[in-house]
Amino acid sequence: MIKIGDFYEEIISFSKEDIKIFAGVSGDFNPIHINEQYAKSSIFGGTIVHGMLAASVFSKIFGTKFPGEGTIYLSQDLKFLAPVFPNVEYVARVEVTEIIKEKHNAVFSTTLVDGEKHQCISGFAKIKHKELI
């Protein structure tokens, strides 16, 4: 049974191919993500991962790892605090902050941090799962 304070962490990185595929699926061809020459002259000094692609790690975690199969994603709020760069390792963390037993719901803090422990993404997600009783 899941309880407040339980957490899951996973190391993740995004390749330039991941970015290219996401651009194709989402239709977001902003050159900051896909044009190295353009991105070099930006404030980031190179291409960056789409924010929603980086945040998609939380969907992966909830649906396949913690709590896993049977999870229904109800909501997610996000703050994009720092860029996420391709081919760099980040730590995605979800932690239970609230359980609403009668609805089988839980609220999780969601964070993505870089190797220096700077938050790149923060937010909260609400999910439904049969194990939340």
Protein backbone atom coordinates (compact mmCIF):
# COMPACT_ATOMS: atom_id res chain seq x y z
CA MET A 1 0.00 0.00 0.00
CA ILE A 2 1.25 3.48 -0.89
CA LYS A 3 1.60 6.02 1.91
CA ILE A 4 2.52 9.67 2.30
CA GLY A 5 6.28 10.13 1.91
CA ASP A 6 6.76 7.17 -0.45
CA PHE A 7 8.76 8.15 -3.51
CA TYR A 8 10.29 6.85 -6.70
CA GLU A 9 13.31 8.20 -8.58
CA GLU A 10 14.59 7.45 -12.05
CA ILE A 11 17.53 8.71 -14.07
CA ILE A 12 16.48 9.96 -17.50
CA SER A 13 18.03 11.63 -20.51
CA PHE A 14 16.64 12.71 -23.86
CA SER A 15 18.46 12.21 -27.13
CA LYS A 16 18.33 14.51 -30.13
CA GLU A 17 16.36 11.74 -31.84
CA ASP A 18 13.79 11.84 -28.99
CA ILE A 19 13.46 15.59 -29.57
CA LYS A 20 13.04 15.11 -33.32
CA ILE A 21 10.35 12.46 -32.81
CA PHE A 22 8.51 14.62 -30.27
CA ALA A 23 8.61 17.60 -32.63
CA GLY A 24 7.04 15.44 -35.32
CA VAL A 25 4.33 14.08 -33.05
CA SER A 26 3.52 17.39 -31.34
CA GLY A 27 4.06 19.68 -34.32
CA ASP A 28 6.33 21.90 -32.18
CA PHE A 29 9.22 22.68 -34.51
CA ASN A 30 10.45 25.69 -32.52
CA PRO A 31 14.08 26.04 -33.68
CA ILE A 32 15.30 26.25 -30.08
CA HIS A 33 14.65 22.50 -29.97
CA ILE A 34 15.75 21.33 -33.42
CA ASN A 35 18.12 23.83 -35.04
CA GLU A 36 21.57 23.72 -33.47
CA GLN A 37 22.84 26.81 -35.29
CA TYR A 38 19.83 28.86 -34.23
CA ALA A 39 19.98 27.53 -30.66
CA LYS A 40 23.70 28.32 -30.28
CA SER A 41 22.88 32.02 -30.47
CA SER A 42 20.10 31.70 -27.85
CA ILE A 43 20.37 32.33 -24.12
CA PHE A 44 20.78 28.56 -23.68
CA GLY A 45 23.78 28.17 -25.98
CA GLY A 46 22.34 25.09 -27.67
CA THR A 47 19.22 23.08 -28.29
CA ILE A 48 16.95 22.27 -25.39
CA VAL A 49 14.41 19.52 -24.79
CA HIS A 50 10.74 20.46 -25.19
CA GLY A 51 9.35 21.11 -21.71
CA MET A 52 6.44 18.76 -22.26
CA LEU A 53 8.75 16.01 -23.51
CA ALA A 54 10.87 16.33 -20.37
CA ALA A 55 7.74 16.33 -18.18
CA SER A 56 6.44 13.21 -19.93
CA VAL A 57 8.76 11.18 -17.70
CA PHE A 58 6.16 11.59 -14.94
CA SER A 59 3.51 9.88 -17.09
CA LYS A 60 5.95 7.04 -17.72
CA ILE A 61 6.67 6.67 -14.01
CA PHE A 62 3.02 6.72 -12.93
CA GLY A 63 1.83 4.39 -15.66
CA THR A 64 4.62 1.82 -15.56
CA LYS A 65 6.66 2.09 -12.35
CA PHE A 66 5.02 3.81 -9.37
CA PRO A 67 2.27 2.95 -8.71
CA GLY A 68 2.23 1.37 -12.19
CA GLU A 69 -0.35 -0.44 -14.28
CA GLY A 70 -3.88 0.77 -13.71
CA THR A 71 -2.90 4.38 -12.97
CA ILE A 72 -5.21 7.08 -14.29
CA TYR A 73 -3.54 10.49 -14.62
CA LEU A 74 -6.04 13.11 -13.42
CA SER A 75 -4.05 16.35 -13.45
CA GLN A 76 -0.58 17.85 -13.53
CA ASP A 77 0.68 21.35 -12.88
CA LEU A 78 4.19 22.22 -13.99
CA LYS A 79 6.75 24.97 -13.57
CA PHE A 80 9.64 25.02 -16.01
CA LEU A 81 12.49 26.47 -13.95
CA ALA A 82 15.59 25.69 -16.01
CA PRO A 83 16.34 24.25 -19.44
CA VAL A 84 16.71 20.52 -20.01
CA PHE A 85 19.49 19.69 -22.44
CA PRO A 86 19.78 16.69 -24.75
CA ASN A 87 22.10 13.84 -23.76
CA VAL A 88 22.38 14.98 -20.13
CA GLU A 89 21.24 12.84 -17.21
CA TYR A 90 18.50 14.14 -14.93
CA VAL A 91 16.74 12.62 -11.93
CA ALA A 92 12.96 12.46 -12.08
CA ARG A 93 11.30 12.10 -8.67
CA VAL A 94 7.70 11.63 -7.64
CA GLU A 95 6.68 11.67 -3.97
CA VAL A 96 3.30 11.06 -2.37
CA THR A 97 2.12 14.21 -0.58
CA GLU A 98 -1.58 13.41 -0.05
CA ILE A 99 -3.88 10.38 -0.24
CA ILE A 100 -7.64 10.64 -0.71
CA LYS A 101 -8.63 7.05 0.14
CA GLU A 102 -12.34 7.29 -0.54
CA LYS A 103 -11.64 8.33 -4.16
CA HIS A 104 -8.55 6.12 -4.64
CA ASN A 105 -6.60 9.31 -5.47
CA ALA A 106 -3.19 10.59 -4.51
CA VAL A 107 -1.27 13.82 -5.01
CA PHE A 108 2.43 13.62 -5.83
CA SER A 109 5.13 16.24 -5.98
CA THR A 110 6.95 15.90 -9.30
CA THR A 111 10.48 17.17 -9.88
CA LEU A 112 13.21 16.88 -12.47
CA VAL A 113 16.66 17.89 -11.26
CA ASP A 114 20.03 18.12 -12.94
CA GLY A 115 23.32 16.67 -11.69
CA GLU A 116 23.93 19.70 -9.50
CA LYS A 117 20.52 19.27 -7.83
CA HIS A 118 19.01 22.33 -9.55
CA GLN A 119 15.31 21.91 -10.20
CA CYS A 120 14.47 22.08 -13.89
CA ILE A 121 10.80 21.13 -13.52
CA SER A 122 8.58 21.11 -10.46
CA GLY A 123 4.91 20.54 -9.94
CA PHE A 124 2.16 18.36 -8.56
CA ALA A 125 0.23 15.51 -10.12
CA LYS A 126 -3.03 13.88 -9.09
CA ILE A 127 -3.63 10.26 -9.99
CA LYS A 128 -6.21 7.56 -9.40
CA HIS A 129 -5.22 3.96 -8.68
CA LYS A 130 -7.04 0.98 -7.17
CA GLU A 131 -4.18 0.46 -4.68
CA LEU A 132 -4.87 3.83 -3.06
CA ILE A 133 -7.32 2.58 -0.44
